[in-house]
Amino acid sequence: ARDLHDDVMQDLSGAIVNAELLGRSASEDPDSARRAERLLGALDRIGPRLRAVIYDLTLEAEQERSFPELLEALVGLQRTIAPECEISLRIREGLPTGPLGSTGREALRILREVLINSRRHSGARHVRVGVWASEGKLYTEVEDDGRGFDPAQEPSASAAGGIGIKGMH
């Protein structure tokens, strides 16, 4: 995770700068300008995906960190990736303060998928996350002001999506 962050992300940042410069210098040639624009778009999409992979790797390495601390780091990462989306976090009563092991890791992965879906597919501008525990069970609730979907409809694994929801189940 550290190598990806320190080396690959630096190279990606340099490639983005070079693609921007290429796009400016190709303004006289419409084909070159379009290619530079597509390249810059691809590089811009790679960054958040790479950050997500780094997060997953870091999560595996930080099993001893407290669940609330990892939860706050997850929400902080999503805020960084999508600064145009306001994401609030409310940690309610009863949440264990120590590490949650595999249960905590899975809950964080599911919550990450929900947050990604909320900002990518719903068009949400405001997302509220609540997490609490009661009677030995962990609960999470995510609410946003986006388009929504019919939870009764079975998601497809087609190119249109649905893989993330199937993975959460």
C-alpha atoms as a PDB file:
ATOM      1  CA  ALA A   1       0.000   0.000   0.000  1.00  0.00           C
ATOM      2  CA  ARG A   2       2.798   2.389   0.880  1.00  0.00           C
ATOM      3  CA  ASP A   3       4.646   1.656  -2.378  1.00  0.00           C
ATOM      4  CA  LEU A   4       1.471   2.232  -4.385  1.00  0.00           C
ATOM      5  CA  HIS A   5       0.842   5.481  -2.574  1.00  0.00           C
ATOM      6  CA  ASP A   6       4.400   6.788  -2.646  1.00  0.00           C
ATOM      7  CA  ASP A   7       5.485   5.609  -6.102  1.00  0.00           C
ATOM      8  CA  VAL A   8       2.531   4.809  -8.352  1.00  0.00           C
ATOM      9  CA  MET A   9       0.386   7.751  -7.239  1.00  0.00           C
ATOM     10  CA  GLN A  10       3.328  10.089  -7.838  1.00  0.00           C
ATOM     11  CA  ASP A  11       3.769   8.699 -11.344  1.00  0.00           C
ATOM     12  CA  LEU A  12       0.030   9.042 -11.962  1.00  0.00           C
ATOM     13  CA  SER A  13       0.117  12.675 -10.834  1.00  0.00           C
ATOM     14  CA  GLY A  14       2.985  13.332 -13.239  1.00  0.00           C
ATOM     15  CA  ALA A  15       1.098  11.626 -16.081  1.00  0.00           C
ATOM     16  CA  ILE A  16      -1.960  13.811 -15.413  1.00  0.00           C
ATOM     17  CA  VAL A  17       0.168  16.964 -15.603  1.00  0.00           C
ATOM     18  CA  ASN A  18       1.758  15.753 -18.859  1.00  0.00           C
ATOM     19  CA  ALA A  19      -1.669  14.910 -20.338  1.00  0.00           C
ATOM     20  CA  GLU A  20      -2.918  18.399 -19.457  1.00  0.00           C
ATOM     21  CA  LEU A  21       0.117  19.946 -21.153  1.00  0.00           C
ATOM     22  CA  LEU A  22      -0.382  17.700 -24.175  1.00  0.00           C
ATOM     23  CA  GLY A  23      -4.022  18.778 -24.421  1.00  0.00           C
ATOM     24  CA  ARG A  24      -3.066  22.455 -24.375  1.00  0.00           C
ATOM     25  CA  SER A  25      -0.376  22.019 -27.035  1.00  0.00           C
ATOM     26  CA  ALA A  26      -2.692  19.961 -29.278  1.00  0.00           C
ATOM     27  CA  SER A  27      -5.326  22.689 -29.500  1.00  0.00           C
ATOM     28  CA  GLU A  28      -4.649  23.215 -33.231  1.00  0.00           C
ATOM     29  CA  ASP A  29      -5.266  19.547 -34.049  1.00  0.00           C
ATOM     30  CA  PRO A  30      -8.801  18.444 -33.071  1.00  0.00           C
ATOM     31  CA  ASP A  31      -7.943  14.723 -33.206  1.00  0.00           C
ATOM     32  CA  SER A  32      -4.935  15.151 -30.917  1.00  0.00           C
ATOM     33  CA  ALA A  33      -6.963  17.331 -28.577  1.00  0.00           C
ATOM     34  CA  ARG A  34      -9.691  14.637 -28.319  1.00  0.00           C
ATOM     35  CA  ARG A  35      -7.103  11.915 -27.679  1.00  0.00           C
ATOM     36  CA  ALA A  36      -5.465  14.037 -24.975  1.00  0.00           C
ATOM     37  CA  GLU A  37      -8.882  14.687 -23.418  1.00  0.00           C
ATOM     38  CA  ARG A  38      -9.681  10.937 -23.364  1.00  0.00           C
ATOM     39  CA  LEU A  39      -6.253  10.206 -21.861  1.00  0.00           C
ATOM     40  CA  LEU A  40      -6.777  12.808 -19.156  1.00  0.00           C
ATOM     41  CA  GLY A  41     -10.246  11.384 -18.418  1.00  0.00           C
ATOM     42  CA  ALA A  42      -8.823   7.871 -18.070  1.00  0.00           C
ATOM     43  CA  LEU A  43      -6.050   9.080 -15.781  1.00  0.00           C
ATOM     44  CA  ASP A  44      -8.571  10.989 -13.663  1.00  0.00           C
ATOM     45  CA  ARG A  45     -10.643   7.805 -13.257  1.00  0.00           C
ATOM     46  CA  ILE A  46      -7.608   5.701 -12.326  1.00  0.00           C
ATOM     47  CA  GLY A  47      -6.686   7.896  -9.335  1.00  0.00           C
ATOM     48  CA  PRO A  48      -9.776   7.219  -7.191  1.00  0.00           C
ATOM     49  CA  ARG A  49      -9.729   3.526  -8.087  1.00  0.00           C
ATOM     50  CA  LEU A  50      -6.095   3.259  -7.093  1.00  0.00           C
ATOM     51  CA  ARG A  51      -6.838   5.075  -3.816  1.00  0.00           C
ATOM     52  CA  ALA A  52      -9.560   2.482  -3.127  1.00  0.00           C
ATOM     53  CA  VAL A  53      -7.107  -0.385  -3.694  1.00  0.00           C
ATOM     54  CA  ILE A  54      -4.617   1.310  -1.401  1.00  0.00           C
ATOM     55  CA  TYR A  55      -7.376   1.630   1.203  1.00  0.00           C
ATOM     56  CA  ASP A  56      -8.176  -2.092   0.989  1.00  0.00           C
ATOM     57  CA  LEU A  57      -4.512  -3.033   1.355  1.00  0.00           C
ATOM     58  CA  THR A  58      -4.084  -0.640   4.254  1.00  0.00           C
ATOM     59  CA  LEU A  59      -7.203  -2.045   5.905  1.00  0.00           C
ATOM     60  CA  GLU A  60      -5.696  -5.531   5.873  1.00  0.00           C
ATOM     61  CA  ALA A  61      -2.503  -4.210   7.456  1.00  0.00           C
ATOM     62  CA  GLU A  62      -4.282  -2.179  10.149  1.00  0.00           C
ATOM     63  CA  GLN A  63      -6.326  -4.890  11.812  1.00  0.00           C
ATOM     64  CA  GLU A  64      -5.409  -3.629  15.267  1.00  0.00           C
ATOM     65  CA  ARG A  65      -6.740  -0.077  14.754  1.00  0.00           C
ATOM     66  CA  SER A  66     -10.069   0.651  16.368  1.00  0.00           C
ATOM     67  CA  PHE A  67     -13.211   0.295  14.292  1.00  0.00           C
ATOM     68  CA  PRO A  68     -14.288   3.924  14.848  1.00  0.00           C
ATOM     69  CA  GLU A  69     -10.850   5.127  13.731  1.00  0.00           C
ATOM     70  CA  LEU A  70     -11.002   3.032  10.543  1.00  0.00           C
ATOM     71  CA  LEU A  71     -14.566   4.210   9.939  1.00  0.00           C
ATOM     72  CA  GLU A  72     -13.507   7.846  10.168  1.00  0.00           C
ATOM     73  CA  ALA A  73     -10.577   7.149   7.807  1.00  0.00           C
ATOM     74  CA  LEU A  74     -12.976   5.576   5.275  1.00  0.00           C
ATOM     75  CA  VAL A  75     -15.343   8.533   5.331  1.00  0.00           C
ATOM     76  CA  GLY A  76     -12.372  10.911   5.131  1.00  0.00           C
ATOM     77  CA  LEU A  77     -11.087   9.105   2.037  1.00  0.00           C
ATOM     78  CA  GLN A  78     -14.506   9.327   0.364  1.00  0.00           C
ATOM     79  CA  ARG A  79     -14.645  13.059   1.176  1.00  0.00           C
ATOM     80  CA  THR A  80     -11.240  13.502  -0.470  1.00  0.00           C
ATOM     81  CA  ILE A  81     -12.250  11.556  -3.578  1.00  0.00           C
ATOM     82  CA  ALA A  82     -15.544  13.452  -3.971  1.00  0.00           C
ATOM     83  CA  PRO A  83     -15.174  16.930  -2.440  1.00  0.00           C
ATOM     84  CA  GLU A  84     -18.359  18.061  -4.211  1.00  0.00           C
ATOM     85  CA  CYS A  85     -20.372  15.605  -2.084  1.00  0.00           C
ATOM     86  CA  GLU A  86     -20.974  16.407   1.587  1.00  0.00           C
ATOM     87  CA  ILE A  87     -20.539  13.208   3.612  1.00  0.00           C
ATOM     88  CA  SER A  88     -21.378  13.289   7.313  1.00  0.00           C
ATOM     89  CA  LEU A  89     -20.646  10.556   9.832  1.00  0.00           C
ATOM     90  CA  ARG A  90     -22.498   9.945  13.069  1.00  0.00           C
ATOM     91  CA  ILE A  91     -21.113   7.290  15.394  1.00  0.00           C
ATOM     92  CA  ARG A  92     -23.875   6.463  17.833  1.00  0.00           C
ATOM     93  CA  GLU A  93     -23.999   4.742  21.182  1.00  0.00           C
ATOM     94  CA  GLY A  94     -22.822   1.241  21.831  1.00  0.00           C
ATOM     95  CA  LEU A  95     -20.176   1.046  19.121  1.00  0.00           C
ATOM     96  CA  PRO A  96     -17.172  -0.975  20.338  1.00  0.00           C
ATOM     97  CA  THR A  97     -14.069   1.169  20.633  1.00  0.00           C
ATOM     98  CA  GLY A  98     -11.564  -1.574  19.790  1.00  0.00           C
ATOM     99  CA  PRO A  99     -10.771  -3.557  16.653  1.00  0.00           C
ATOM    100  CA  LEU A 100     -13.621  -5.649  15.227  1.00  0.00           C
ATOM    101  CA  GLY A 101     -11.503  -8.071  13.190  1.00  0.00           C
ATOM    102  CA  SER A 102     -13.110  -9.660  10.150  1.00  0.00           C
ATOM    103  CA  THR A 103     -16.579  -8.331  11.029  1.00  0.00           C
ATOM    104  CA  GLY A 104     -15.254  -4.774  11.045  1.00  0.00           C
ATOM    105  CA  ARG A 105     -13.314  -5.247   7.800  1.00  0.00           C
ATOM    106  CA  GLU A 106     -16.377  -6.615   6.006  1.00  0.00           C
ATOM    107  CA  ALA A 107     -18.587  -3.850   7.392  1.00  0.00           C
ATOM    108  CA  LEU A 108     -16.077  -1.247   6.175  1.00  0.00           C
ATOM    109  CA  ARG A 109     -15.899  -2.851   2.711  1.00  0.00           C
ATOM    110  CA  ILE A 110     -19.686  -2.874   2.421  1.00  0.00           C
ATOM    111  CA  LEU A 111     -19.911   0.698   3.664  1.00  0.00           C
ATOM    112  CA  ARG A 112     -17.239   1.748   1.176  1.00  0.00           C
ATOM    113  CA  GLU A 113     -19.247   0.178  -1.660  1.00  0.00           C
ATOM    114  CA  VAL A 114     -22.410   1.946  -0.487  1.00  0.00           C
ATOM    115  CA  LEU A 115     -20.629   5.302  -0.389  1.00  0.00           C
ATOM    116  CA  ILE A 116     -19.121   4.762  -3.836  1.00  0.00           C
ATOM    117  CA  ASN A 117     -22.520   3.807  -5.259  1.00  0.00           C
ATOM    118  CA  SER A 118     -24.148   6.776  -3.580  1.00  0.00           C
ATOM    119  CA  ARG A 119     -21.778   9.328  -5.070  1.00  0.00           C
ATOM    120  CA  ARG A 120     -21.233   7.649  -8.459  1.00  0.00           C
ATOM    121  CA  HIS A 121     -24.688   6.435  -9.406  1.00  0.00           C
ATOM    122  CA  SER A 122     -27.282   8.367  -7.419  1.00  0.00           C
ATOM    123  CA  GLY A 123     -26.124  11.902  -8.102  1.00  0.00           C
ATOM    124  CA  ALA A 124     -26.252  12.579  -4.351  1.00  0.00           C
ATOM    125  CA  ARG A 125     -24.885  15.863  -3.034  1.00  0.00           C
ATOM    126  CA  HIS A 126     -25.405  14.992   0.650  1.00  0.00           C
ATOM    127  CA  VAL A 127     -24.750  11.612   2.249  1.00  0.00           C
ATOM    128  CA  ARG A 128     -25.335  10.781   5.900  1.00  0.00           C
ATOM    129  CA  VAL A 129     -23.729   7.731   7.511  1.00  0.00           C
ATOM    130  CA  GLY A 130     -24.810   6.403  10.891  1.00  0.00           C
ATOM    131  CA  VAL A 131     -23.134   3.503  12.697  1.00  0.00           C
ATOM    132  CA  TRP A 132     -24.061   1.942  16.027  1.00  0.00           C
ATOM    133  CA  ALA A 133     -24.172  -1.335  17.889  1.00  0.00           C
ATOM    134  CA  SER A 134     -26.897  -2.849  19.995  1.00  0.00           C
ATOM    135  CA  GLU A 135     -27.297  -6.242  21.629  1.00  0.00           C
ATOM    136  CA  GLY A 136     -24.116  -7.557  20.029  1.00  0.00           C
ATOM    137  CA  LYS A 137     -25.084  -6.502  16.485  1.00  0.00           C
ATOM    138  CA  LEU A 138     -23.442  -3.868  14.308  1.00  0.00           C
ATOM    139  CA  TYR A 139     -25.727  -1.537  12.351  1.00  0.00           C
ATOM    140  CA  THR A 140     -24.976   0.918   9.580  1.00  0.00           C
ATOM    141  CA  GLU A 141     -27.364   3.259   7.859  1.00  0.00           C
ATOM    142  CA  VAL A 142     -26.635   5.378   4.821  1.00  0.00           C
ATOM    143  CA  GLU A 143     -29.041   8.008   3.565  1.00  0.00           C
ATOM    144  CA  ASP A 144     -28.523  10.349   0.620  1.00  0.00           C
ATOM    145  CA  ASP A 145     -30.454  12.825  -1.494  1.00  0.00           C
ATOM    146  CA  GLY A 146     -29.815  10.948  -4.750  1.00  0.00           C
ATOM    147  CA  ARG A 147     -32.062   9.145  -7.242  1.00  0.00           C
ATOM    148  CA  GLY A 148     -32.344   5.833  -5.419  1.00  0.00           C
ATOM    149  CA  PHE A 149     -33.280   2.411  -6.767  1.00  0.00           C
ATOM    150  CA  ASP A 150     -35.819  -0.320  -6.188  1.00  0.00           C
ATOM    151  CA  PRO A 151     -34.285  -2.704  -3.608  1.00  0.00           C
ATOM    152  CA  ALA A 152     -36.809  -5.395  -4.585  1.00  0.00           C
ATOM    153  CA  GLN A 153     -35.425  -5.487  -8.124  1.00  0.00           C
ATOM    154  CA  GLU A 154     -32.625  -8.041  -8.529  1.00  0.00           C
ATOM    155  CA  PRO A 155     -29.456  -6.274  -9.736  1.00  0.00           C
ATOM    156  CA  SER A 156     -27.873  -7.576 -12.903  1.00  0.00           C
ATOM    157  CA  ALA A 157     -24.210  -8.394 -13.293  1.00  0.00           C
ATOM    158  CA  SER A 158     -24.186  -6.783 -16.720  1.00  0.00           C
ATOM    159  CA  ALA A 159     -22.058  -3.902 -17.842  1.00  0.00           C
ATOM    160  CA  ALA A 160     -24.841  -1.630 -16.534  1.00  0.00           C
ATOM    161  CA  GLY A 161     -23.902  -2.513 -12.966  1.00  0.00           C
ATOM    162  CA  GLY A 162     -25.185  -4.432 -10.029  1.00  0.00           C
ATOM    163  CA  ILE A 163     -21.956  -6.235  -9.177  1.00  0.00           C
ATOM    164  CA  GLY A 164     -21.318  -4.048  -6.138  1.00  0.00           C
ATOM    165  CA  ILE A 165     -24.768  -4.698  -4.716  1.00  0.00           C
ATOM    166  CA  LYS A 166     -24.409  -8.431  -5.281  1.00  0.00           C
ATOM    167  CA  GLY A 167     -21.055  -8.296  -3.499  1.00  0.00           C
ATOM    168  CA  MET A 168     -22.622  -6.510  -0.518  1.00  0.00           C
ATOM    169  CA  HIS A 169     -25.224  -9.266  -0.209  1.00  0.00           C
END
